[in-house]
Amino acid sequence: MPRFFVCREAIDKDSRTVRIEGDDARHIARSLRMAVGDEVTVCDGSSVEYQCTLTRIRDEECELEIISEGLSAREPRFEIILCMAYPKADKLETVIQKAVELGATRIIRF
């Protein structure tokens, strides 16, 4: 299920709706080719996750209905430690970046 990050102002808890605008809306409409009724996960940046259903899709704005909400699982249940030798040339920064993207919590260099 696709996951999108929005600011808190885009979430209206009273009417149980979420608005996604700009590049993300175009991505939903054009690239993902989602349809009304498809489900999407929306995160507000404060560890709350919303399961939503698309109710309106346009290139400039999509509207979603909130089905449920809950705390997002922010950290994995296990710790990933990368033990590595120094790579050649300028590859150290790339290795560290990719390790963190994959969820490494600690990097040990030899």
PDB file of N, CA and C in Angstrom:
ATOM      1  N   MET A   1       0.837  -1.163   0.000  1.00  0.00           N
ATOM      2  CA  MET A   1       0.000   0.000   0.000  1.00  0.00           C
ATOM      3  C   MET A   1       0.893   1.241   0.000  1.00  0.00           C
ATOM      4  N   PRO A   2       0.621   2.188  -0.886  1.00  0.00           N
ATOM      5  CA  PRO A   2       1.435   3.404  -0.953  1.00  0.00           C
ATOM      6  C   PRO A   2       1.356   4.203   0.345  1.00  0.00           C
ATOM      7  N   ARG A   3       2.454   4.866   0.691  1.00  0.00           N
ATOM      8  CA  ARG A   3       2.544   5.663   1.914  1.00  0.00           C
ATOM      9  C   ARG A   3       2.941   7.085   1.532  1.00  0.00           C
ATOM     10  N   PHE A   4       2.194   8.064   2.055  1.00  0.00           N
ATOM     11  CA  PHE A   4       2.469   9.472   1.778  1.00  0.00           C
ATOM     12  C   PHE A   4       2.592  10.228   3.092  1.00  0.00           C
ATOM     13  N   PHE A   5       3.445  11.246   3.094  1.00  0.00           N
ATOM     14  CA  PHE A   5       3.656  12.078   4.263  1.00  0.00           C
ATOM     15  C   PHE A   5       3.040  13.442   4.005  1.00  0.00           C
ATOM     16  N   VAL A   6       2.215  13.896   4.945  1.00  0.00           N
ATOM     17  CA  VAL A   6       1.552  15.188   4.815  1.00  0.00           C
ATOM     18  C   VAL A   6       1.756  15.992   6.094  1.00  0.00           C
ATOM     19  N   CYS A   7       1.538  17.300   6.018  1.00  0.00           N
ATOM     20  CA  CYS A   7       1.600  18.136   7.226  1.00  0.00           C
ATOM     21  C   CYS A   7       0.291  17.974   7.994  1.00  0.00           C
ATOM     22  N   ARG A   8       0.320  18.327   9.252  1.00  0.00           N
ATOM     23  CA  ARG A   8      -0.871  18.157  10.105  1.00  0.00           C
ATOM     24  C   ARG A   8      -2.055  18.977   9.620  1.00  0.00           C
ATOM     25  N   GLU A   9      -1.787  20.105   8.963  1.00  0.00           N
ATOM     26  CA  GLU A   9      -2.869  20.957   8.466  1.00  0.00           C
ATOM     27  C   GLU A   9      -3.675  20.292   7.353  1.00  0.00           C
ATOM     28  N   ALA A  10      -3.098  19.310   6.694  1.00  0.00           N
ATOM     29  CA  ALA A  10      -3.797  18.611   5.609  1.00  0.00           C
ATOM     30  C   ALA A  10      -4.800  17.594   6.130  1.00  0.00           C
ATOM     31  N   ILE A  11      -4.778  17.343   7.438  1.00  0.00           N
ATOM     32  CA  ILE A  11      -5.664  16.349   8.043  1.00  0.00           C
ATOM     33  C   ILE A  11      -6.754  17.067   8.824  1.00  0.00           C
ATOM     34  N   ASP A  12      -8.004  16.800   8.460  1.00  0.00           N
ATOM     35  CA  ASP A  12      -9.155  17.367   9.157  1.00  0.00           C
ATOM     36  C   ASP A  12      -9.828  16.239   9.934  1.00  0.00           C
ATOM     37  N   LYS A  13      -9.550  16.173  11.224  1.00  0.00           N
ATOM     38  CA  LYS A  13     -10.075  15.076  12.039  1.00  0.00           C
ATOM     39  C   LYS A  13     -11.578  15.195  12.259  1.00  0.00           C
ATOM     40  N   ASP A  14     -12.122  16.416  12.205  1.00  0.00           N
ATOM     41  CA  ASP A  14     -13.569  16.591  12.398  1.00  0.00           C
ATOM     42  C   ASP A  14     -14.364  15.945  11.268  1.00  0.00           C
ATOM     43  N   SER A  15     -13.957  16.207  10.030  1.00  0.00           N
ATOM     44  CA  SER A  15     -14.666  15.623   8.887  1.00  0.00           C
ATOM     45  C   SER A  15     -14.047  14.307   8.437  1.00  0.00           C
ATOM     46  N   ARG A  16     -12.961  13.871   9.132  1.00  0.00           N
ATOM     47  CA  ARG A  16     -12.274  12.609   8.832  1.00  0.00           C
ATOM     48  C   ARG A  16     -11.791  12.561   7.384  1.00  0.00           C
ATOM     49  N   THR A  17     -11.168  13.663   6.924  1.00  0.00           N
ATOM     50  CA  THR A  17     -10.637  13.724   5.561  1.00  0.00           C
ATOM     51  C   THR A  17      -9.189  14.174   5.578  1.00  0.00           C
ATOM     52  N   VAL A  18      -8.481  13.819   4.496  1.00  0.00           N
ATOM     53  CA  VAL A  18      -7.095  14.224   4.283  1.00  0.00           C
ATOM     54  C   VAL A  18      -6.990  14.773   2.872  1.00  0.00           C
ATOM     55  N   ARG A  19      -6.226  15.852   2.707  1.00  0.00           N
ATOM     56  CA  ARG A  19      -5.966  16.406   1.378  1.00  0.00           C
ATOM     57  C   ARG A  19      -4.498  16.233   1.041  1.00  0.00           C
ATOM     58  N   ILE A  20      -4.239  15.692  -0.130  1.00  0.00           N
ATOM     59  CA  ILE A  20      -2.867  15.569  -0.636  1.00  0.00           C
ATOM     60  C   ILE A  20      -2.782  16.452  -1.868  1.00  0.00           C
ATOM     61  N   GLU A  21      -1.802  17.367  -1.873  1.00  0.00           N
ATOM     62  CA  GLU A  21      -1.688  18.337  -2.966  1.00  0.00           C
ATOM     63  C   GLU A  21      -0.326  18.252  -3.632  1.00  0.00           C
ATOM     64  N   GLY A  22      -0.206  18.918  -4.771  1.00  0.00           N
ATOM     65  CA  GLY A  22       1.078  19.073  -5.448  1.00  0.00           C
ATOM     66  C   GLY A  22       1.603  17.824  -6.109  1.00  0.00           C
ATOM     67  N   ASP A  23       2.920  17.612  -5.969  1.00  0.00           N
ATOM     68  CA  ASP A  23       3.583  16.496  -6.642  1.00  0.00           C
ATOM     69  C   ASP A  23       3.031  15.146  -6.211  1.00  0.00           C
ATOM     70  N   ASP A  24       2.692  15.004  -4.928  1.00  0.00           N
ATOM     71  CA  ASP A  24       2.141  13.735  -4.463  1.00  0.00           C
ATOM     72  C   ASP A  24       0.783  13.445  -5.106  1.00  0.00           C
ATOM     73  N   ALA A  25      -0.031  14.468  -5.281  1.00  0.00           N
ATOM     74  CA  ALA A  25      -1.336  14.285  -5.940  1.00  0.00           C
ATOM     75  C   ALA A  25      -1.139  13.857  -7.391  1.00  0.00           C
ATOM     76  N   ARG A  26      -0.207  14.503  -8.082  1.00  0.00           N
ATOM     77  CA  ARG A  26       0.082  14.112  -9.469  1.00  0.00           C
ATOM     78  C   ARG A  26       0.622  12.683  -9.528  1.00  0.00           C
ATOM     79  N   HIS A  27       1.434  12.321  -8.537  1.00  0.00           N
ATOM     80  CA  HIS A  27       1.987  10.962  -8.489  1.00  0.00           C
ATOM     81  C   HIS A  27       0.861   9.932  -8.321  1.00  0.00           C
ATOM     82  N   ILE A  28      -0.098  10.229  -7.460  1.00  0.00           N
ATOM     83  CA  ILE A  28      -1.245   9.330  -7.263  1.00  0.00           C
ATOM     84  C   ILE A  28      -2.054   9.216  -8.543  1.00  0.00           C
ATOM     85  N   ALA A  29      -2.342  10.352  -9.176  1.00  0.00           N
ATOM     86  CA  ALA A  29      -3.205  10.365 -10.355  1.00  0.00           C
ATOM     87  C   ALA A  29      -2.534   9.819 -11.608  1.00  0.00           C
ATOM     88  N   ARG A  30      -1.293  10.199 -11.853  1.00  0.00           N
ATOM     89  CA  ARG A  30      -0.652   9.848 -13.124  1.00  0.00           C
ATOM     90  C   ARG A  30       0.257   8.624 -13.039  1.00  0.00           C
ATOM     91  N   SER A  31       1.205   8.638 -12.101  1.00  0.00           N
ATOM     92  CA  SER A  31       2.186   7.548 -12.040  1.00  0.00           C
ATOM     93  C   SER A  31       1.592   6.261 -11.480  1.00  0.00           C
ATOM     94  N   LEU A  32       0.935   6.383 -10.329  1.00  0.00           N
ATOM     95  CA  LEU A  32       0.366   5.186  -9.706  1.00  0.00           C
ATOM     96  C   LEU A  32      -0.959   4.776 -10.342  1.00  0.00           C
ATOM     97  N   ARG A  33      -1.618   5.725 -11.005  1.00  0.00           N
ATOM     98  CA  ARG A  33      -2.910   5.491 -11.659  1.00  0.00           C
ATOM     99  C   ARG A  33      -3.921   4.863 -10.700  1.00  0.00           C
ATOM    100  N   MET A  34      -3.980   5.446  -9.532  1.00  0.00           N
ATOM    101  CA  MET A  34      -4.911   4.947  -8.521  1.00  0.00           C
ATOM    102  C   MET A  34      -6.325   5.384  -8.879  1.00  0.00           C
ATOM    103  N   ALA A  35      -7.297   4.671  -8.324  1.00  0.00           N
ATOM    104  CA  ALA A  35      -8.700   4.951  -8.601  1.00  0.00           C
ATOM    105  C   ALA A  35      -9.416   5.248  -7.290  1.00  0.00           C
ATOM    106  N   VAL A  36     -10.588   5.866  -7.407  1.00  0.00           N
ATOM    107  CA  VAL A  36     -11.418   6.122  -6.240  1.00  0.00           C
ATOM    108  C   VAL A  36     -11.713   4.779  -5.566  1.00  0.00           C
ATOM    109  N   GLY A  37     -11.528   4.724  -4.253  1.00  0.00           N
ATOM    110  CA  GLY A  37     -11.747   3.487  -3.504  1.00  0.00           C
ATOM    111  C   GLY A  37     -10.461   2.764  -3.134  1.00  0.00           C
ATOM    112  N   ASP A  38      -9.339   3.127  -3.783  1.00  0.00           N
ATOM    113  CA  ASP A  38      -8.049   2.517  -3.439  1.00  0.00           C
ATOM    114  C   ASP A  38      -7.604   3.003  -2.061  1.00  0.00           C
ATOM    115  N   GLU A  39      -6.851   2.149  -1.370  1.00  0.00           N
ATOM    116  CA  GLU A  39      -6.392   2.485  -0.030  1.00  0.00           C
ATOM    117  C   GLU A  39      -4.974   3.043  -0.046  1.00  0.00           C
ATOM    118  N   VAL A  40      -4.715   3.984   0.861  1.00  0.00           N
ATOM    119  CA  VAL A  40      -3.434   4.667   0.975  1.00  0.00           C
ATOM    120  C   VAL A  40      -3.130   4.837   2.462  1.00  0.00           C
ATOM    121  N   THR A  41      -1.858   4.764   2.825  1.00  0.00           N
ATOM    122  CA  THR A  41      -1.430   5.069   4.184  1.00  0.00           C
ATOM    123  C   THR A  41      -0.862   6.479   4.200  1.00  0.00           C
ATOM    124  N   VAL A  42      -1.319   7.297   5.158  1.00  0.00           N
ATOM    125  CA  VAL A  42      -0.864   8.675   5.284  1.00  0.00           C
ATOM    126  C   VAL A  42      -0.233   8.853   6.659  1.00  0.00           C
ATOM    127  N   CYS A  43       0.947   9.482   6.697  1.00  0.00           N
ATOM    128  CA  CYS A  43       1.652   9.751   7.952  1.00  0.00           C
ATOM    129  C   CYS A  43       1.731  11.260   8.144  1.00  0.00           C
ATOM    130  N   ASP A  44       1.578  11.699   9.399  1.00  0.00           N
ATOM    131  CA  ASP A  44       1.588  13.136   9.665  1.00  0.00           C
ATOM    132  C   ASP A  44       2.890  13.639  10.268  1.00  0.00           C
ATOM    133  N   GLY A  45       3.886  12.785  10.383  1.00  0.00           N
ATOM    134  CA  GLY A  45       5.175  13.208  10.904  1.00  0.00           C
ATOM    135  C   GLY A  45       5.271  13.212  12.413  1.00  0.00           C
ATOM    136  N   SER A  46       4.214  12.826  13.101  1.00  0.00           N
ATOM    137  CA  SER A  46       4.259  12.792  14.564  1.00  0.00           C
ATOM    138  C   SER A  46       3.871  11.411  15.076  1.00  0.00           C
ATOM    139  N   SER A  47       4.318  10.394  14.374  1.00  0.00           N
ATOM    140  CA  SER A  47       4.127   8.984  14.724  1.00  0.00           C
ATOM    141  C   SER A  47       2.679   8.508  14.672  1.00  0.00           C
ATOM    142  N   VAL A  48       1.809   9.215  13.946  1.00  0.00           N
ATOM    143  CA  VAL A  48       0.434   8.751  13.733  1.00  0.00           C
ATOM    144  C   VAL A  48       0.287   8.375  12.271  1.00  0.00           C
ATOM    145  N   GLU A  49      -0.328   7.232  12.047  1.00  0.00           N
ATOM    146  CA  GLU A  49      -0.523   6.699  10.708  1.00  0.00           C
ATOM    147  C   GLU A  49      -2.028   6.588  10.464  1.00  0.00           C
ATOM    148  N   TYR A  50      -2.472   6.992   9.280  1.00  0.00           N
ATOM    149  CA  TYR A  50      -3.886   6.947   8.931  1.00  0.00           C
ATOM    150  C   TYR A  50      -4.084   6.012   7.741  1.00  0.00           C
ATOM    151  N   GLN A  51      -5.009   5.071   7.879  1.00  0.00           N
ATOM    152  CA  GLN A  51      -5.402   4.232   6.750  1.00  0.00           C
ATOM    153  C   GLN A  51      -6.563   4.966   6.087  1.00  0.00           C
ATOM    154  N   CYS A  52      -6.420   5.266   4.788  1.00  0.00           N
ATOM    155  CA  CYS A  52      -7.401   6.101   4.096  1.00  0.00           C
ATOM    156  C   CYS A  52      -7.859   5.451   2.796  1.00  0.00           C
ATOM    157  N   THR A  53      -9.006   5.922   2.335  1.00  0.00           N
ATOM    158  CA  THR A  53      -9.547   5.518   1.039  1.00  0.00           C
ATOM    159  C   THR A  53      -9.669   6.762   0.174  1.00  0.00           C
ATOM    160  N   LEU A  54      -9.236   6.671  -1.074  1.00  0.00           N
ATOM    161  CA  LEU A  54      -9.343   7.798  -1.999  1.00  0.00           C
ATOM    162  C   LEU A  54     -10.809   8.059  -2.345  1.00  0.00           C
ATOM    163  N   THR A  55     -11.236   9.321  -2.219  1.00  0.00           N
ATOM    164  CA  THR A  55     -12.611   9.682  -2.565  1.00  0.00           C
ATOM    165  C   THR A  55     -12.680  10.597  -3.783  1.00  0.00           C
ATOM    166  N   ARG A  56     -11.583  11.330  -4.044  1.00  0.00           N
ATOM    167  CA  ARG A  56     -11.543  12.209  -5.215  1.00  0.00           C
ATOM    168  C   ARG A  56     -10.107  12.328  -5.679  1.00  0.00           C
ATOM    169  N   ILE A  57      -9.888  12.203  -6.980  1.00  0.00           N
ATOM    170  CA  ILE A  57      -8.531  12.259  -7.534  1.00  0.00           C
ATOM    171  C   ILE A  57      -8.485  13.292  -8.650  1.00  0.00           C
ATOM    172  N   ARG A  58      -7.592  14.268  -8.475  1.00  0.00           N
ATOM    173  CA  ARG A  58      -7.289  15.242  -9.522  1.00  0.00           C
ATOM    174  C   ARG A  58      -5.790  15.449  -9.526  1.00  0.00           C
ATOM    175  N   ASP A  59      -5.250  15.973 -10.605  1.00  0.00           N
ATOM    176  CA  ASP A  59      -3.807  16.185 -10.705  1.00  0.00           C
ATOM    177  C   ASP A  59      -3.284  17.139  -9.637  1.00  0.00           C
ATOM    178  N   GLU A  60      -4.066  18.142  -9.275  1.00  0.00           N
ATOM    179  CA  GLU A  60      -3.583  19.139  -8.320  1.00  0.00           C
ATOM    180  C   GLU A  60      -3.961  18.831  -6.867  1.00  0.00           C
ATOM    181  N   GLU A  61      -4.953  17.961  -6.657  1.00  0.00           N
ATOM    182  CA  GLU A  61      -5.377  17.650  -5.289  1.00  0.00           C
ATOM    183  C   GLU A  61      -6.148  16.338  -5.239  1.00  0.00           C
ATOM    184  N   CYS A  62      -5.845  15.546  -4.220  1.00  0.00           N
ATOM    185  CA  CYS A  62      -6.586  14.317  -3.973  1.00  0.00           C
ATOM    186  C   CYS A  62      -7.201  14.408  -2.588  1.00  0.00           C
ATOM    187  N   GLU A  63      -8.388  13.866  -2.453  1.00  0.00           N
ATOM    188  CA  GLU A  63      -9.063  13.855  -1.163  1.00  0.00           C
ATOM    189  C   GLU A  63      -9.238  12.411  -0.712  1.00  0.00           C
ATOM    190  N   LEU A  64      -8.996  12.183   0.579  1.00  0.00           N
ATOM    191  CA  LEU A  64      -9.080  10.841   1.135  1.00  0.00           C
ATOM    192  C   LEU A  64      -9.971  10.846   2.366  1.00  0.00           C
ATOM    193  N   GLU A  65     -10.625   9.724   2.612  1.00  0.00           N
ATOM    194  CA  GLU A  65     -11.427   9.546   3.816  1.00  0.00           C
ATOM    195  C   GLU A  65     -10.640   8.679   4.792  1.00  0.00           C
ATOM    196  N   ILE A  66     -10.555   9.104   6.037  1.00  0.00           N
ATOM    197  CA  ILE A  66      -9.831   8.350   7.054  1.00  0.00           C
ATOM    198  C   ILE A  66     -10.683   7.170   7.504  1.00  0.00           C
ATOM    199  N   ILE A  67     -10.118   5.967   7.382  1.00  0.00           N
ATOM    200  CA  ILE A  67     -10.799   4.747   7.814  1.00  0.00           C
ATOM    201  C   ILE A  67     -10.409   4.420   9.251  1.00  0.00           C
ATOM    202  N   SER A  68      -9.098   4.477   9.519  1.00  0.00           N
ATOM    203  CA  SER A  68      -8.606   4.189  10.868  1.00  0.00           C
ATOM    204  C   SER A  68      -7.298   4.940  11.093  1.00  0.00           C
ATOM    205  N   GLU A  69      -6.931   5.049  12.358  1.00  0.00           N
ATOM    206  CA  GLU A  69      -5.668   5.692  12.701  1.00  0.00           C
ATOM    207  C   GLU A  69      -5.029   4.955  13.854  1.00  0.00           C
ATOM    208  N   GLY A  70      -3.714   5.056  13.922  1.00  0.00           N
ATOM    209  CA  GLY A  70      -2.978   4.399  14.994  1.00  0.00           C
ATOM    210  C   GLY A  70      -1.535   4.847  14.990  1.00  0.00           C
ATOM    211  N   LEU A  71      -0.817   4.418  15.988  1.00  0.00           N
ATOM    212  CA  LEU A  71       0.602   4.750  16.068  1.00  0.00           C
ATOM    213  C   LEU A  71       1.378   3.971  15.026  1.00  0.00           C
ATOM    214  N   SER A  72       2.320   4.628  14.390  1.00  0.00           N
ATOM    215  CA  SER A  72       3.136   3.948  13.393  1.00  0.00           C
ATOM    216  C   SER A  72       4.303   3.248  14.082  1.00  0.00           C
ATOM    217  N   ALA A  73       4.689   2.135  13.519  1.00  0.00           N
ATOM    218  CA  ALA A  73       5.846   1.399  14.029  1.00  0.00           C
ATOM    219  C   ALA A  73       7.086   2.106  13.501  1.00  0.00           C
ATOM    220  N   ARG A  74       7.736   2.878  14.340  1.00  0.00           N
ATOM    221  CA  ARG A  74       8.844   3.711  13.894  1.00  0.00           C
ATOM    222  C   ARG A  74      10.163   2.967  13.837  1.00  0.00           C
ATOM    223  N   GLU A  75      10.428   2.114  14.789  1.00  0.00           N
ATOM    224  CA  GLU A  75      11.696   1.408  14.836  1.00  0.00           C
ATOM    225  C   GLU A  75      11.458  -0.091  14.694  1.00  0.00           C
ATOM    226  N   PRO A  76      12.353  -0.780  13.997  1.00  0.00           N
ATOM    227  CA  PRO A  76      12.196  -2.231  13.883  1.00  0.00           C
ATOM    228  C   PRO A  76      12.394  -2.912  15.242  1.00  0.00           C
ATOM    229  N   ARG A  77      11.910  -4.138  15.353  1.00  0.00           N
ATOM    230  CA  ARG A  77      12.025  -4.887  16.605  1.00  0.00           C
ATOM    231  C   ARG A  77      13.446  -5.365  16.859  1.00  0.00           C
ATOM    232  N   PHE A  78      14.282  -5.348  15.861  1.00  0.00           N
ATOM    233  CA  PHE A  78      15.648  -5.843  15.991  1.00  0.00           C
ATOM    234  C   PHE A  78      16.632  -4.745  15.598  1.00  0.00           C
ATOM    235  N   GLU A  79      17.862  -4.912  16.011  1.00  0.00           N
ATOM    236  CA  GLU A  79      18.904  -3.933  15.724  1.00  0.00           C
ATOM    237  C   GLU A  79      19.797  -4.450  14.602  1.00  0.00           C
ATOM    238  N   ILE A  80      20.064  -3.612  13.616  1.00  0.00           N
ATOM    239  CA  ILE A  80      20.940  -3.980  12.505  1.00  0.00           C
ATOM    240  C   ILE A  80      22.271  -3.257  12.693  1.00  0.00           C
ATOM    241  N   ILE A  81      23.343  -4.032  12.811  1.00  0.00           N
ATOM    242  CA  ILE A  81      24.686  -3.469  12.974  1.00  0.00           C
ATOM    243  C   ILE A  81      25.514  -3.867  11.758  1.00  0.00           C
ATOM    244  N   LEU A  82      26.090  -2.888  11.088  1.00  0.00           N
ATOM    245  CA  LEU A  82      26.947  -3.132   9.931  1.00  0.00           C
ATOM    246  C   LEU A  82      28.399  -3.046  10.371  1.00  0.00           C
ATOM    247  N   CYS A  83      29.139  -4.136  10.197  1.00  0.00           N
ATOM    248  CA  CYS A  83      30.580  -4.166  10.458  1.00  0.00           C
ATOM    249  C   CYS A  83      31.275  -4.186   9.107  1.00  0.00           C
ATOM    250  N   MET A  84      32.114  -3.202   8.855  1.00  0.00           N
ATOM    251  CA  MET A  84      32.692  -3.085   7.517  1.00  0.00           C
ATOM    252  C   MET A  84      34.135  -2.593   7.581  1.00  0.00           C
ATOM    253  N   ALA A  85      34.887  -2.926   6.553  1.00  0.00           N
ATOM    254  CA  ALA A  85      36.230  -2.380   6.368  1.00  0.00           C
ATOM    255  C   ALA A  85      36.086  -1.063   5.610  1.00  0.00           C
ATOM    256  N   TYR A  86      37.117  -0.238   5.654  1.00  0.00           N
ATOM    257  CA  TYR A  86      37.073   1.006   4.895  1.00  0.00           C
ATOM    258  C   TYR A  86      37.023   0.685   3.406  1.00  0.00           C
ATOM    259  N   PRO A  87      36.067   1.251   2.674  1.00  0.00           N
ATOM    260  CA  PRO A  87      36.022   1.020   1.233  1.00  0.00           C
ATOM    261  C   PRO A  87      37.052   1.884   0.506  1.00  0.00           C
ATOM    262  N   LYS A  88      37.296   1.543  -0.742  1.00  0.00           N
ATOM    263  CA  LYS A  88      38.239   2.309  -1.553  1.00  0.00           C
ATOM    264  C   LYS A  88      37.639   3.649  -1.958  1.00  0.00           C
ATOM    265  N   ALA A  89      38.522   4.569  -2.226  1.00  0.00           N
ATOM    266  CA  ALA A  89      38.194   5.909  -2.753  1.00  0.00           C
ATOM    267  C   ALA A  89      37.166   6.618  -1.875  1.00  0.00           C
ATOM    268  N   ASP A  90      36.155   7.201  -2.497  1.00  0.00           N
ATOM    269  CA  ASP A  90      35.178   8.024  -1.786  1.00  0.00           C
ATOM    270  C   ASP A  90      33.839   7.300  -1.579  1.00  0.00           C
ATOM    271  N   LYS A  91      33.862   6.002  -1.416  1.00  0.00           N
ATOM    272  CA  LYS A  91      32.634   5.214  -1.309  1.00  0.00           C
ATOM    273  C   LYS A  91      32.084   5.128   0.116  1.00  0.00           C
ATOM    274  N   LEU A  92      32.829   5.589   1.106  1.00  0.00           N
ATOM    275  CA  LEU A  92      32.397   5.474   2.499  1.00  0.00           C
ATOM    276  C   LEU A  92      31.061   6.184   2.742  1.00  0.00           C
ATOM    277  N   GLU A  93      30.926   7.380   2.235  1.00  0.00           N
ATOM    278  CA  GLU A  93      29.695   8.145   2.432  1.00  0.00           C
ATOM    279  C   GLU A  93      28.497   7.427   1.804  1.00  0.00           C
ATOM    280  N   THR A  94      28.666   6.861   0.626  1.00  0.00           N
ATOM    281  CA  THR A  94      27.581   6.139  -0.046  1.00  0.00           C
ATOM    282  C   THR A  94      27.192   4.891   0.737  1.00  0.00           C
ATOM    283  N   VAL A  95      28.179   4.150   1.231  1.00  0.00           N
ATOM    284  CA  VAL A  95      27.904   2.942   2.017  1.00  0.00           C
ATOM    285  C   VAL A  95      27.126   3.304   3.277  1.00  0.00           C
ATOM    286  N   ILE A  96      27.529   4.360   3.966  1.00  0.00           N
ATOM    287  CA  ILE A  96      26.827   4.778   5.181  1.00  0.00           C
ATOM    288  C   ILE A  96      25.398   5.220   4.860  1.00  0.00           C
ATOM    289  N   GLN A  97      25.236   5.979   3.796  1.00  0.00           N
ATOM    290  CA  GLN A  97      23.906   6.448   3.401  1.00  0.00           C
ATOM    291  C   GLN A  97      22.981   5.269   3.119  1.00  0.00           C
ATOM    292  N   LYS A  98      23.425   4.307   2.339  1.00  0.00           N
ATOM    293  CA  LYS A  98      22.591   3.155   1.983  1.00  0.00           C
ATOM    294  C   LYS A  98      22.306   2.268   3.193  1.00  0.00           C
ATOM    295  N   ALA A  99      23.277   2.133   4.087  1.00  0.00           N
ATOM    296  CA  ALA A  99      23.072   1.325   5.288  1.00  0.00           C
ATOM    297  C   ALA A  99      21.988   1.943   6.165  1.00  0.00           C
ATOM    298  N   VAL A 100      22.014   3.257   6.317  1.00  0.00           N
ATOM    299  CA  VAL A 100      21.000   3.935   7.117  1.00  0.00           C
ATOM    300  C   VAL A 100      19.631   3.836   6.452  1.00  0.00           C
ATOM    301  N   GLU A 101      19.575   3.964   5.124  1.00  0.00           N
ATOM    302  CA  GLU A 101      18.311   3.820   4.409  1.00  0.00           C
ATOM    303  C   GLU A 101      17.706   2.438   4.622  1.00  0.00           C
ATOM    304  N   LEU A 102      18.554   1.428   4.754  1.00  0.00           N
ATOM    305  CA  LEU A 102      18.078   0.064   4.963  1.00  0.00           C
ATOM    306  C   LEU A 102      17.757  -0.236   6.421  1.00  0.00           C
ATOM    307  N   GLY A 103      18.066   0.697   7.325  1.00  0.00           N
ATOM    308  CA  GLY A 103      17.678   0.530   8.712  1.00  0.00           C
ATOM    309  C   GLY A 103      18.804   0.208   9.678  1.00  0.00           C
ATOM    310  N   ALA A 104      20.049   0.359   9.259  1.00  0.00           N
ATOM    311  CA  ALA A 104      21.170   0.092  10.168  1.00  0.00           C
ATOM    312  C   ALA A 104      21.126   1.092  11.322  1.00  0.00           C
ATOM    313  N   THR A 105      21.272   0.558  12.530  1.00  0.00           N
ATOM    314  CA  THR A 105      21.262   1.405  13.713  1.00  0.00           C
ATOM    315  C   THR A 105      22.657   1.739  14.194  1.00  0.00           C
ATOM    316  N   ARG A 106      23.616   0.974  13.742  1.00  0.00           N
ATOM    317  CA  ARG A 106      25.006   1.185  14.164  1.00  0.00           C
ATOM    318  C   ARG A 106      25.935   0.736  13.054  1.00  0.00           C
ATOM    319  N   ILE A 107      27.020   1.462  12.841  1.00  0.00           N
ATOM    320  CA  ILE A 107      28.012   1.116  11.823  1.00  0.00           C
ATOM    321  C   ILE A 107      29.374   1.073  12.507  1.00  0.00           C
ATOM    322  N   ILE A 108      30.046  -0.067  12.371  1.00  0.00           N
ATOM    323  CA  ILE A 108      31.376  -0.255  12.949  1.00  0.00           C
ATOM    324  C   ILE A 108      32.365  -0.380  11.812  1.00  0.00           C
ATOM    325  N   ARG A 109      33.371   0.497  11.820  1.00  0.00           N
ATOM    326  CA  ARG A 109      34.392   0.465  10.762  1.00  0.00           C
ATOM    327  C   ARG A 109      35.665  -0.149  11.321  1.00  0.00           C
ATOM    328  N   PHE A 110      36.340  -0.946  10.515  1.00  0.00           N
ATOM    329  CA  PHE A 110      37.614  -1.559  10.913  1.00  0.00           C
ATOM    330  C   PHE A 110      38.747  -0.951  10.139  1.00  0.00           C
TER     331      PHE A 110
END
